[in-house]
Full PDB file with SEQRES, HELIX, SHEET, SSBOND, CRYST1, ORIGX, SCALE, CONECT and MASTER records, all heavy atoms in Angstrom:
SEQRES   1 A   41  PHE PRO ALA GLN LEU SER GLY GLY GLU GLN GLN ARG VAL          
SEQRES   2 A   41  ALA ILE ALA ARG ALA VAL ALA LYS ARG PRO ASP LEU LEU          
SEQRES   3 A   41  PHE CYS ASP GLU PRO THR GLY ALA LEU ASP VAL GLU THR          
SEQRES   4 A   41  GLY ARG                                                      
HELIX    1 AA1 PRO A    2  GLN A    4  5                                   3    
HELIX    2 AA2 GLY A    7  VAL A   19  1                                  13    
HELIX    3 AA3 VAL A   37  GLY A   40  1                                   4    
CRYST1    1.000    1.000    1.000  90.00  90.00  90.00 P 1           1          
ORIGX1      1.000000  0.000000  0.000000        0.00000                         
ORIGX2      0.000000  1.000000  0.000000        0.00000                         
ORIGX3      0.000000  0.000000  1.000000        0.00000                         
SCALE1      1.000000  0.000000  0.000000        0.00000                         
SCALE2      0.000000  1.000000  0.000000        0.00000                         
SCALE3      0.000000  0.000000  1.000000        0.00000                         
ATOM      1  N   PHE A   1       0.846  -1.192   0.000  1.00  0.00           N  
ATOM      2  CA  PHE A   1       0.000   0.000   0.000  1.00  0.00           C  
ATOM      3  C   PHE A   1       0.883   1.245   0.000  1.00  0.00           C  
ATOM      4  O   PHE A   1       2.059   1.182   0.392  1.00  0.00           O  
ATOM      5  CB  PHE A   1      -0.918  -0.002   1.220  1.00  0.00           C  
ATOM      6  CG  PHE A   1      -1.958  -1.089   1.189  1.00  0.00           C  
ATOM      7  CD1 PHE A   1      -1.717  -2.311   1.821  1.00  0.00           C  
ATOM      8  CD2 PHE A   1      -3.172  -0.899   0.537  1.00  0.00           C  
ATOM      9  CE1 PHE A   1      -2.658  -3.322   1.786  1.00  0.00           C  
ATOM     10  CE2 PHE A   1      -4.127  -1.917   0.499  1.00  0.00           C  
ATOM     11  CZ  PHE A   1      -3.868  -3.130   1.125  1.00  0.00           C  
ATOM     12  N   PRO A   2       0.348   2.402  -0.434  1.00  0.00           N  
ATOM     13  CA  PRO A   2       1.158   3.624  -0.469  1.00  0.00           C  
ATOM     14  C   PRO A   2       1.880   3.932   0.842  1.00  0.00           C  
ATOM     15  O   PRO A   2       3.036   4.372   0.823  1.00  0.00           O  
ATOM     16  CB  PRO A   2       0.124   4.704  -0.817  1.00  0.00           C  
ATOM     17  CG  PRO A   2      -0.860   3.982  -1.682  1.00  0.00           C  
ATOM     18  CD  PRO A   2      -0.967   2.616  -1.057  1.00  0.00           C  
ATOM     19  N   ALA A   3       1.224   3.697   1.974  1.00  0.00           N  
ATOM     20  CA  ALA A   3       1.842   3.989   3.268  1.00  0.00           C  
ATOM     21  C   ALA A   3       3.059   3.114   3.534  1.00  0.00           C  
ATOM     22  O   ALA A   3       3.894   3.439   4.395  1.00  0.00           O  
ATOM     23  CB  ALA A   3       0.818   3.824   4.393  1.00  0.00           C  
ATOM     24  N   GLN A   4       3.175   2.006   2.826  1.00  0.00           N  
ATOM     25  CA  GLN A   4       4.310   1.095   2.988  1.00  0.00           C  
ATOM     26  C   GLN A   4       5.438   1.408   2.005  1.00  0.00           C  
ATOM     27  O   GLN A   4       6.451   0.705   1.982  1.00  0.00           O  
ATOM     28  CB  GLN A   4       3.839  -0.351   2.790  1.00  0.00           C  
ATOM     29  CG  GLN A   4       2.801  -0.811   3.805  1.00  0.00           C  
ATOM     30  CD  GLN A   4       2.223  -2.168   3.458  1.00  0.00           C  
ATOM     31  OE1 GLN A   4       1.766  -2.397   2.325  1.00  0.00           O  
ATOM     32  NE2 GLN A   4       2.248  -3.082   4.417  1.00  0.00           N  
ATOM     33  N   LEU A   5       5.270   2.454   1.208  1.00  0.00           N  
ATOM     34  CA  LEU A   5       6.255   2.822   0.195  1.00  0.00           C  
ATOM     35  C   LEU A   5       6.877   4.176   0.518  1.00  0.00           C  
ATOM     36  O   LEU A   5       6.226   5.052   1.096  1.00  0.00           O  
ATOM     37  CB  LEU A   5       5.595   2.892  -1.184  1.00  0.00           C  
ATOM     38  CG  LEU A   5       4.905   1.620  -1.685  1.00  0.00           C  
ATOM     39  CD1 LEU A   5       4.142   1.914  -2.980  1.00  0.00           C  
ATOM     40  CD2 LEU A   5       5.911   0.499  -1.911  1.00  0.00           C  
ATOM     41  N   SER A   6       8.121   4.355   0.129  1.00  0.00           N  
ATOM     42  CA  SER A   6       8.776   5.652   0.291  1.00  0.00           C  
ATOM     43  C   SER A   6       8.205   6.646  -0.722  1.00  0.00           C  
ATOM     44  O   SER A   6       7.468   6.272  -1.643  1.00  0.00           O  
ATOM     45  CB  SER A   6      10.281   5.509   0.062  1.00  0.00           C  
ATOM     46  OG  SER A   6      10.547   5.208  -1.304  1.00  0.00           O  
ATOM     47  N   GLY A   7       8.560   7.930  -0.556  1.00  0.00           N  
ATOM     48  CA  GLY A   7       8.074   8.941  -1.494  1.00  0.00           C  
ATOM     49  C   GLY A   7       8.503   8.650  -2.917  1.00  0.00           C  
ATOM     50  O   GLY A   7       7.715   8.777  -3.854  1.00  0.00           O  
ATOM     51  N   GLY A   8       9.757   8.235  -3.090  1.00  0.00           N  
ATOM     52  CA  GLY A   8      10.235   7.908  -4.424  1.00  0.00           C  
ATOM     53  C   GLY A   8       9.521   6.716  -5.022  1.00  0.00           C  
ATOM     54  O   GLY A   8       9.226   6.687  -6.226  1.00  0.00           O  
ATOM     55  N   GLU A   9       9.237   5.730  -4.189  1.00  0.00           N  
ATOM     56  CA  GLU A   9       8.508   4.549  -4.665  1.00  0.00           C  
ATOM     57  C   GLU A   9       7.075   4.913  -5.046  1.00  0.00           C  
ATOM     58  O   GLU A   9       6.545   4.418  -6.051  1.00  0.00           O  
ATOM     59  CB  GLU A   9       8.526   3.461  -3.601  1.00  0.00           C  
ATOM     60  CG  GLU A   9       9.893   2.795  -3.444  1.00  0.00           C  
ATOM     61  CD  GLU A   9       9.960   1.860  -2.247  1.00  0.00           C  
ATOM     62  OE1 GLU A   9       9.186   2.054  -1.275  1.00  0.00           O  
ATOM     63  OE2 GLU A   9      10.785   0.937  -2.273  1.00  0.00           O  
ATOM     64  N   GLN A  10       6.451   5.791  -4.273  1.00  0.00           N  
ATOM     65  CA  GLN A  10       5.099   6.223  -4.615  1.00  0.00           C  
ATOM     66  C   GLN A  10       5.085   6.980  -5.940  1.00  0.00           C  
ATOM     67  O   GLN A  10       4.177   6.801  -6.760  1.00  0.00           O  
ATOM     68  CB  GLN A  10       4.532   7.112  -3.504  1.00  0.00           C  
ATOM     69  CG  GLN A  10       4.223   6.351  -2.220  1.00  0.00           C  
ATOM     70  CD  GLN A  10       3.569   7.240  -1.182  1.00  0.00           C  
ATOM     71  OE1 GLN A  10       2.498   7.796  -1.409  1.00  0.00           O  
ATOM     72  NE2 GLN A  10       4.221   7.378  -0.027  1.00  0.00           N  
ATOM     73  N   GLN A  11       6.122   7.793  -6.176  1.00  0.00           N  
ATOM     74  CA  GLN A  11       6.175   8.496  -7.441  1.00  0.00           C  
ATOM     75  C   GLN A  11       6.400   7.527  -8.598  1.00  0.00           C  
ATOM     76  O   GLN A  11       5.865   7.709  -9.698  1.00  0.00           O  
ATOM     77  CB  GLN A  11       7.284   9.564  -7.418  1.00  0.00           C  
ATOM     78  CG  GLN A  11       7.314  10.482  -8.622  1.00  0.00           C  
ATOM     79  CD  GLN A  11       6.050  11.314  -8.789  1.00  0.00           C  
ATOM     80  OE1 GLN A  11       4.956  10.773  -9.022  1.00  0.00           O  
ATOM     81  NE2 GLN A  11       6.186  12.620  -8.660  1.00  0.00           N  
ATOM     82  N   ARG A  12       7.153   6.471  -8.363  1.00  0.00           N  
ATOM     83  CA  ARG A  12       7.351   5.466  -9.405  1.00  0.00           C  
ATOM     84  C   ARG A  12       6.052   4.709  -9.687  1.00  0.00           C  
ATOM     85  O   ARG A  12       5.798   4.305 -10.820  1.00  0.00           O  
ATOM     86  CB  ARG A  12       8.480   4.513  -9.022  1.00  0.00           C  
ATOM     87  CG  ARG A  12       9.869   5.120  -9.269  1.00  0.00           C  
ATOM     88  CD  ARG A  12      10.951   4.088  -9.117  1.00  0.00           C  
ATOM     89  NE  ARG A  12      11.336   3.865  -7.725  1.00  0.00           N  
ATOM     90  CZ  ARG A  12      11.960   2.790  -7.284  1.00  0.00           C  
ATOM     91  NH1 ARG A  12      12.246   1.788  -8.095  1.00  0.00           N  
ATOM     92  NH2 ARG A  12      12.299   2.680  -6.020  1.00  0.00           N  
ATOM     93  N   VAL A  13       5.222   4.506  -8.669  1.00  0.00           N  
ATOM     94  CA  VAL A  13       3.894   3.921  -8.901  1.00  0.00           C  
ATOM     95  C   VAL A  13       3.079   4.862  -9.798  1.00  0.00           C  
ATOM     96  O   VAL A  13       2.393   4.419 -10.723  1.00  0.00           O  
ATOM     97  CB  VAL A  13       3.155   3.664  -7.577  1.00  0.00           C  
ATOM     98  CG1 VAL A  13       1.712   3.211  -7.855  1.00  0.00           C  
ATOM     99  CG2 VAL A  13       3.871   2.613  -6.745  1.00  0.00           C  
ATOM    100  N   ALA A  14       3.191   6.170  -9.526  1.00  0.00           N  
ATOM    101  CA  ALA A  14       2.460   7.145 -10.341  1.00  0.00           C  
ATOM    102  C   ALA A  14       2.943   7.107 -11.792  1.00  0.00           C  
ATOM    103  O   ALA A  14       2.147   7.238 -12.730  1.00  0.00           O  
ATOM    104  CB  ALA A  14       2.635   8.549  -9.754  1.00  0.00           C  
ATOM    105  N   ILE A  15       4.248   6.907 -11.984  1.00  0.00           N  
ATOM    106  CA  ILE A  15       4.786   6.783 -13.344  1.00  0.00           C  
ATOM    107  C   ILE A  15       4.278   5.506 -13.998  1.00  0.00           C  
ATOM    108  O   ILE A  15       3.855   5.506 -15.159  1.00  0.00           O  
ATOM    109  CB  ILE A  15       6.326   6.813 -13.317  1.00  0.00           C  
ATOM    110  CG1 ILE A  15       6.825   8.176 -12.838  1.00  0.00           C  
ATOM    111  CG2 ILE A  15       6.888   6.495 -14.704  1.00  0.00           C  
ATOM    112  CD1 ILE A  15       8.310   8.214 -12.547  1.00  0.00           C  
ATOM    113  N   ALA A  16       4.301   4.400 -13.236  1.00  0.00           N  
ATOM    114  CA  ALA A  16       3.793   3.130 -13.763  1.00  0.00           C  
ATOM    115  C   ALA A  16       2.328   3.260 -14.170  1.00  0.00           C  
ATOM    116  O   ALA A  16       1.908   2.736 -15.210  1.00  0.00           O  
ATOM    117  CB  ALA A  16       3.955   2.027 -12.714  1.00  0.00           C  
ATOM    118  N   ARG A  17       1.561   3.963 -13.368  1.00  0.00           N  
ATOM    119  CA  ARG A  17       0.145   4.177 -13.677  1.00  0.00           C  
ATOM    120  C   ARG A  17      -0.009   4.956 -14.985  1.00  0.00           C  
ATOM    121  O   ARG A  17      -0.880   4.648 -15.810  1.00  0.00           O  
ATOM    122  CB  ARG A  17      -0.516   4.942 -12.522  1.00  0.00           C  
ATOM    123  CG  ARG A  17      -1.990   5.246 -12.709  1.00  0.00           C  
ATOM    124  CD  ARG A  17      -2.538   5.995 -11.494  1.00  0.00           C  
ATOM    125  NE  ARG A  17      -1.784   7.222 -11.247  1.00  0.00           N  
ATOM    126  CZ  ARG A  17      -1.845   7.914 -10.120  1.00  0.00           C  
ATOM    127  NH1 ARG A  17      -2.615   7.506  -9.131  1.00  0.00           N  
ATOM    128  NH2 ARG A  17      -1.146   9.024  -9.986  1.00  0.00           N  
ATOM    129  N   ALA A  18       0.850   5.953 -15.187  1.00  0.00           N  
ATOM    130  CA  ALA A  18       0.769   6.760 -16.404  1.00  0.00           C  
ATOM    131  C   ALA A  18       1.185   5.968 -17.638  1.00  0.00           C  
ATOM    132  O   ALA A  18       0.544   6.045 -18.688  1.00  0.00           O  
ATOM    133  CB  ALA A  18       1.633   8.011 -16.260  1.00  0.00           C  
ATOM    134  N   VAL A  19       2.269   5.196 -17.534  1.00  0.00           N  
ATOM    135  CA  VAL A  19       2.784   4.494 -18.720  1.00  0.00           C  
ATOM    136  C   VAL A  19       2.003   3.225 -19.023  1.00  0.00           C  
ATOM    137  O   VAL A  19       2.069   2.716 -20.145  1.00  0.00           O  
ATOM    138  CB  VAL A  19       4.282   4.168 -18.578  1.00  0.00           C  
ATOM    139  CG1 VAL A  19       5.081   5.436 -18.349  1.00  0.00           C  
ATOM    140  CG2 VAL A  19       4.551   3.159 -17.489  1.00  0.00           C  
ATOM    141  N   ALA A  20       1.238   2.718 -18.052  1.00  0.00           N  
ATOM    142  CA  ALA A  20       0.448   1.504 -18.290  1.00  0.00           C  
ATOM    143  C   ALA A  20      -0.598   1.719 -19.378  1.00  0.00           C  
ATOM    144  O   ALA A  20      -1.064   0.760 -19.996  1.00  0.00           O  
ATOM    145  CB  ALA A  20      -0.224   1.040 -16.999  1.00  0.00           C  
ATOM    146  N   LYS A  21      -0.961   2.949 -19.628  1.00  0.00           N  
ATOM    147  CA  LYS A  21      -1.911   3.264 -20.695  1.00  0.00           C  
ATOM    148  C   LYS A  21      -1.280   3.157 -22.086  1.00  0.00           C  
ATOM    149  O   LYS A  21      -1.978   3.259 -23.084  1.00  0.00           O  
ATOM    150  CB  LYS A  21      -2.428   4.705 -20.522  1.00  0.00           C  
ATOM    151  CG  LYS A  21      -3.231   4.949 -19.277  1.00  0.00           C  
ATOM    152  CD  LYS A  21      -3.452   6.438 -19.051  1.00  0.00           C  
ATOM    153  CE  LYS A  21      -4.176   7.084 -20.212  1.00  0.00           C  
ATOM    154  NZ  LYS A  21      -4.463   8.522 -19.944  1.00  0.00           N  
ATOM    155  N   ARG A  22       0.044   2.979 -22.129  1.00  0.00           N  
ATOM    156  CA  ARG A  22       0.806   3.060 -23.377  1.00  0.00           C  
ATOM    157  C   ARG A  22       0.519   4.380 -24.094  1.00  0.00           C  
ATOM    158  O   ARG A  22       0.141   4.422 -25.280  1.00  0.00           O  
ATOM    159  CB  ARG A  22       0.480   1.890 -24.312  1.00  0.00           C  
ATOM    160  CG  ARG A  22       0.717   0.513 -23.718  1.00  0.00           C  
ATOM    161  CD  ARG A  22       0.507  -0.568 -24.769  1.00  0.00           C  
ATOM    162  NE  ARG A  22       0.384  -1.904 -24.202  1.00  0.00           N  
ATOM    163  CZ  ARG A  22       1.416  -2.706 -23.933  1.00  0.00           C  
ATOM    164  NH1 ARG A  22       2.644  -2.298 -24.170  1.00  0.00           N  
ATOM    165  NH2 ARG A  22       1.222  -3.914 -23.435  1.00  0.00           N  
ATOM    166  N   PRO A  23       0.716   5.516 -23.397  1.00  0.00           N  
ATOM    167  CA  PRO A  23       0.362   6.802 -23.997  1.00  0.00           C  
ATOM    168  C   PRO A  23       1.355   7.218 -25.077  1.00  0.00           C  
ATOM    169  O   PRO A  23       2.518   6.819 -25.065  1.00  0.00           O  
ATOM    170  CB  PRO A  23       0.437   7.761 -22.802  1.00  0.00           C  
ATOM    171  CG  PRO A  23       1.508   7.165 -21.933  1.00  0.00           C  
ATOM    172  CD  PRO A  23       1.313   5.670 -22.061  1.00  0.00           C  
ATOM    173  N   ASP A  24       0.884   8.024 -26.002  1.00  0.00           N  
ATOM    174  CA  ASP A  24       1.772   8.621 -26.994  1.00  0.00           C  
ATOM    175  C   ASP A  24       2.551   9.784 -26.382  1.00  0.00           C  
ATOM    176  O   ASP A  24       3.656  10.109 -26.821  1.00  0.00           O  
ATOM    177  CB  ASP A  24       0.954   9.144 -28.184  1.00  0.00           C  
ATOM    178  CG  ASP A  24       0.166   8.045 -28.850  1.00  0.00           C  
ATOM    179  OD1 ASP A  24       0.744   6.969 -29.094  1.00  0.00           O  
ATOM    180  OD2 ASP A  24      -1.035   8.244 -29.101  1.00  0.00           O  
ATOM    181  N   LEU A  25       1.944  10.418 -25.383  1.00  0.00           N  
ATOM    182  CA  LEU A  25       2.517  11.596 -24.744  1.00  0.00           C  
ATOM    183  C   LEU A  25       2.533  11.403 -23.238  1.00  0.00           C  
ATOM    184  O   LEU A  25       1.523  10.999 -22.655  1.00  0.00           O  
ATOM    185  CB  LEU A  25       1.683  12.837 -25.079  1.00  0.00           C  
ATOM    186  CG  LEU A  25       1.555  13.195 -26.565  1.00  0.00           C  
ATOM    187  CD1 LEU A  25       0.316  14.043 -26.799  1.00  0.00           C  
ATOM    188  CD2 LEU A  25       2.804  13.941 -27.033  1.00  0.00           C  
ATOM    189  N   LEU A  26       3.660  11.699 -22.601  1.00  0.00           N  
ATOM    190  CA  LEU A  26       3.787  11.618 -21.153  1.00  0.00           C  
ATOM    191  C   LEU A  26       4.204  12.987 -20.644  1.00  0.00           C  
ATOM    192  O   LEU A  26       5.290  13.478 -20.963  1.00  0.00           O  
ATOM    193  CB  LEU A  26       4.821  10.564 -20.757  1.00  0.00           C  
ATOM    194  CG  LEU A  26       5.070  10.366 -19.254  1.00  0.00           C  
ATOM    195  CD1 LEU A  26       3.796   9.926 -18.543  1.00  0.00           C  
ATOM    196  CD2 LEU A  26       6.191   9.356 -19.027  1.00  0.00           C  
ATOM    197  N   PHE A  27       3.336  13.623 -19.853  1.00  0.00           N  
ATOM    198  CA  PHE A  27       3.580  14.964 -19.334  1.00  0.00           C  
ATOM    199  C   PHE A  27       3.842  14.892 -17.832  1.00  0.00           C  
ATOM    200  O   PHE A  27       3.000  14.389 -17.073  1.00  0.00           O  
ATOM    201  CB  PHE A  27       2.375  15.865 -19.604  1.00  0.00           C  
ATOM    202  CG  PHE A  27       2.143  16.144 -21.071  1.00  0.00           C  
ATOM    203  CD1 PHE A  27       0.859  16.163 -21.587  1.00  0.00           C  
ATOM    204  CD2 PHE A  27       3.209  16.406 -21.921  1.00  0.00           C  
ATOM    205  CE1 PHE A  27       0.642  16.435 -22.931  1.00  0.00           C  
ATOM    206  CE2 PHE A  27       3.007  16.672 -23.260  1.00  0.00           C  
ATOM    207  CZ  PHE A  27       1.725  16.701 -23.775  1.00  0.00           C  
ATOM    208  N   CYS A  28       4.987  15.419 -17.415  1.00  0.00           N  
ATOM    209  CA  CYS A  28       5.427  15.324 -16.018  1.00  0.00           C  
ATOM    210  C   CYS A  28       5.649  16.728 -15.464  1.00  0.00           C  
ATOM    211  O   CYS A  28       6.553  17.441 -15.918  1.00  0.00           O  
ATOM    212  CB  CYS A  28       6.716  14.516 -15.917  1.00  0.00           C  
ATOM    213  SG  CYS A  28       6.660  12.926 -16.771  1.00  0.00           S  
ATOM    214  N   ASP A  29       4.853  17.118 -14.488  1.00  0.00           N  
ATOM    215  CA  ASP A  29       4.923  18.465 -13.906  1.00  0.00           C  
ATOM    216  C   ASP A  29       5.636  18.411 -12.564  1.00  0.00           C  
ATOM    217  O   ASP A  29       5.066  17.963 -11.572  1.00  0.00           O  
ATOM    218  CB  ASP A  29       3.507  19.033 -13.753  1.00  0.00           C  
ATOM    219  CG  ASP A  29       3.515  20.530 -13.467  1.00  0.00           C  
ATOM    220  OD1 ASP A  29       4.596  21.072 -13.144  1.00  0.00           O  
ATOM    221  OD2 ASP A  29       2.444  21.154 -13.570  1.00  0.00           O  
ATOM    222  N   GLU A  30       6.893  18.853 -12.535  1.00  0.00           N  
ATOM    223  CA  GLU A  30       7.733  18.852 -11.331  1.00  0.00           C  
ATOM    224  C   GLU A  30       7.697  17.485 -10.624  1.00  0.00           C  
ATOM    225  O   GLU A  30       7.386  17.401  -9.436  1.00  0.00           O  
ATOM    226  CB  GLU A  30       7.287  19.953 -10.353  1.00  0.00           C  
ATOM    227  CG  GLU A  30       7.436  21.358 -10.895  1.00  0.00           C  
ATOM    228  CD  GLU A  30       8.876  21.879 -10.835  1.00  0.00           C  
ATOM    229  OE1 GLU A  30       9.781  21.097 -10.482  1.00  0.00           O  
ATOM    230  OE2 GLU A  30       9.077  23.062 -11.158  1.00  0.00           O  
ATOM    231  N   PRO A  31       8.009  16.397 -11.324  1.00  0.00           N  
ATOM    232  CA  PRO A  31       7.865  15.063 -10.724  1.00  0.00           C  
ATOM    233  C   PRO A  31       8.818  14.790  -9.563  1.00  0.00           C  
ATOM    234  O   PRO A  31       8.594  13.857  -8.807  1.00  0.00           O  
ATOM    235  CB  PRO A  31       8.170  14.130 -11.905  1.00  0.00           C  
ATOM    236  CG  PRO A  31       9.066  14.930 -12.798  1.00  0.00           C  
ATOM    237  CD  PRO A  31       8.551  16.338 -12.694  1.00  0.00           C  
ATOM    238  N   THR A  32       9.872  15.599  -9.428  1.00  0.00           N  
ATOM    239  CA  THR A  32      10.814  15.393  -8.317  1.00  0.00           C  
ATOM    240  C   THR A  32      10.717  16.500  -7.277  1.00  0.00           C  
ATOM    241  O   THR A  32      11.539  16.571  -6.368  1.00  0.00           O  
ATOM    242  CB  THR A  32      12.265  15.328  -8.842  1.00  0.00           C  
ATOM    243  OG1 THR A  32      12.614  16.596  -9.438  1.00  0.00           O  
ATOM    244  CG2 THR A  32      12.414  14.234  -9.883  1.00  0.00           C  
ATOM    245  N   GLY A  33       9.712  17.363  -7.397  1.00  0.00           N  
ATOM    246  CA  GLY A  33       9.617  18.541  -6.536  1.00  0.00           C  
ATOM    247  C   GLY A  33       9.509  18.238  -5.056  1.00  0.00           C  
ATOM    248  O   GLY A  33       9.954  19.031  -4.221  1.00  0.00           O  
ATOM    249  N   ALA A  34       8.930  17.079  -4.712  1.00  0.00           N  
ATOM    250  CA  ALA A  34       8.737  16.739  -3.300  1.00  0.00           C  
ATOM    251  C   ALA A  34       9.782  15.744  -2.805  1.00  0.00           C  
ATOM    252  O   ALA A  34       9.648  15.210  -1.695  1.00  0.00           O  
ATOM    253  CB  ALA A  34       7.333  16.166  -3.101  1.00  0.00           C  
ATOM    254  N   LEU A  35      10.829  15.498  -3.597  1.00  0.00           N  
ATOM    255  CA  LEU A  35      11.787  14.450  -3.276  1.00  0.00           C  
ATOM    256  C   LEU A  35      13.173  15.027  -3.016  1.00  0.00           C  
ATOM    257  O   LEU A  35      13.534  16.089  -3.523  1.00  0.00           O  
ATOM    258  CB  LEU A  35      11.867  13.456  -4.443  1.00  0.00           C  
ATOM    259  CG  LEU A  35      10.545  12.825  -4.882  1.00  0.00           C  
ATOM    260  CD1 LEU A  35      10.771  12.002  -6.151  1.00  0.00           C  
ATOM    261  CD2 LEU A  35       9.969  11.957  -3.778  1.00  0.00           C  
ATOM    262  N   ASP A  36      13.968  14.300  -2.218  1.00  0.00           N  
ATOM    263  CA  ASP A  36      15.359  14.695  -2.030  1.00  0.00           C  
ATOM    264  C   ASP A  36      16.151  14.401  -3.303  1.00  0.00           C  
ATOM    265  O   ASP A  36      15.663  13.745  -4.229  1.00  0.00           O  
ATOM    266  CB  ASP A  36      15.972  13.970  -0.826  1.00  0.00           C  
ATOM    267  CG  ASP A  36      15.999  12.455  -1.020  1.00  0.00           C  
ATOM    268  OD1 ASP A  36      16.836  11.973  -1.800  1.00  0.00           O  
ATOM    269  OD2 ASP A  36      15.175  11.754  -0.387  1.00  0.00           O  
ATOM    270  N   VAL A  37      17.391  14.894  -3.350  1.00  0.00           N  
ATOM    271  CA  VAL A  37      18.177  14.831  -4.581  1.00  0.00           C  
ATOM    272  C   VAL A  37      18.374  13.401  -5.074  1.00  0.00           C  
ATOM    273  O   VAL A  37      18.143  13.096  -6.251  1.00  0.00           O  
ATOM    274  CB  VAL A  37      19.549  15.518  -4.381  1.00  0.00           C  
ATOM    275  CG1 VAL A  37      20.464  15.241  -5.570  1.00  0.00           C  
ATOM    276  CG2 VAL A  37      19.358  17.016  -4.209  1.00  0.00           C  
ATOM    277  N   GLU A  38      18.802  12.508  -4.192  1.00  0.00           N  
ATOM    278  CA  GLU A  38      19.095  11.142  -4.635  1.00  0.00           C  
ATOM    279  C   GLU A  38      17.840  10.403  -5.082  1.00  0.00           C  
ATOM    280  O   GLU A  38      17.858   9.666  -6.069  1.00  0.00           O  
ATOM    281  CB  GLU A  38      19.814  10.368  -3.521  1.00  0.00           C  
ATOM    282  CG  GLU A  38      21.246  10.813  -3.308  1.00  0.00           C  
ATOM    283  CD  GLU A  38      22.050  10.834  -4.608  1.00  0.00           C  
ATOM    284  OE1 GLU A  38      22.010   9.830  -5.361  1.00  0.00           O  
ATOM    285  OE2 GLU A  38      22.702  11.850  -4.901  1.00  0.00           O  
ATOM    286  N   THR A  39      16.741  10.603  -4.359  1.00  0.00           N  
ATOM    287  CA  THR A  39      15.479   9.973  -4.759  1.00  0.00           C  
ATOM    288  C   THR A  39      14.995  10.569  -6.080  1.00  0.00           C  
ATOM    289  O   THR A  39      14.482   9.860  -6.948  1.00  0.00           O  
ATOM    290  CB  THR A  39      14.417  10.150  -3.672  1.00  0.00           C  
ATOM    291  OG1 THR A  39      14.913   9.643  -2.433  1.00  0.00           O  
ATOM    292  CG2 THR A  39      13.133   9.429  -4.025  1.00  0.00           C  
ATOM    293  N   GLY A  40      15.196  11.882  -6.228  1.00  0.00           N  
ATOM    294  CA  GLY A  40      14.829  12.542  -7.482  1.00  0.00           C  
ATOM    295  C   GLY A  40      15.591  11.985  -8.668  1.00  0.00           C  
ATOM    296  O   GLY A  40      15.034  11.804  -9.741  1.00  0.00           O  
ATOM    297  N   ARG A  41      16.878  11.687  -8.472  1.00  0.00           N  
ATOM    298  CA  ARG A  41      17.667  11.082  -9.539  1.00  0.00           C  
ATOM    299  C   ARG A  41      17.056   9.757  -9.984  1.00  0.00           C  
ATOM    300  O   ARG A  41      16.966   9.462 -11.182  1.00  0.00           O  
ATOM    301  CB  ARG A  41      19.082  10.800  -9.050  1.00  0.00           C  
ATOM    302  CG  ARG A  41      20.013  11.989  -8.930  1.00  0.00           C  
ATOM    303  CD  ARG A  41      21.375  11.477  -8.489  1.00  0.00           C  
ATOM    304  NE  ARG A  41      22.246  12.516  -8.009  1.00  0.00           N  
ATOM    305  CZ  ARG A  41      23.090  13.211  -8.759  1.00  0.00           C  
ATOM    306  NH1 ARG A  41      23.145  12.963 -10.057  1.00  0.00           N  
ATOM    307  NH2 ARG A  41      23.860  14.145  -8.240  1.00  0.00           N  
TER     308      ARG A  41                                                      
MASTER        0    0    0    3    0    0    0    6  307    1    0    4          
END                                                                             
């Protein structure tokens, strides 16, 4: 569950959710804004 995941892992779930649609376009608005540097990398 989200509460069992780190912030970076939760953001990766959000990415997985977006790409699971097989979209032609992927738009990311400040996807690392809430993360520390290493997690953002």
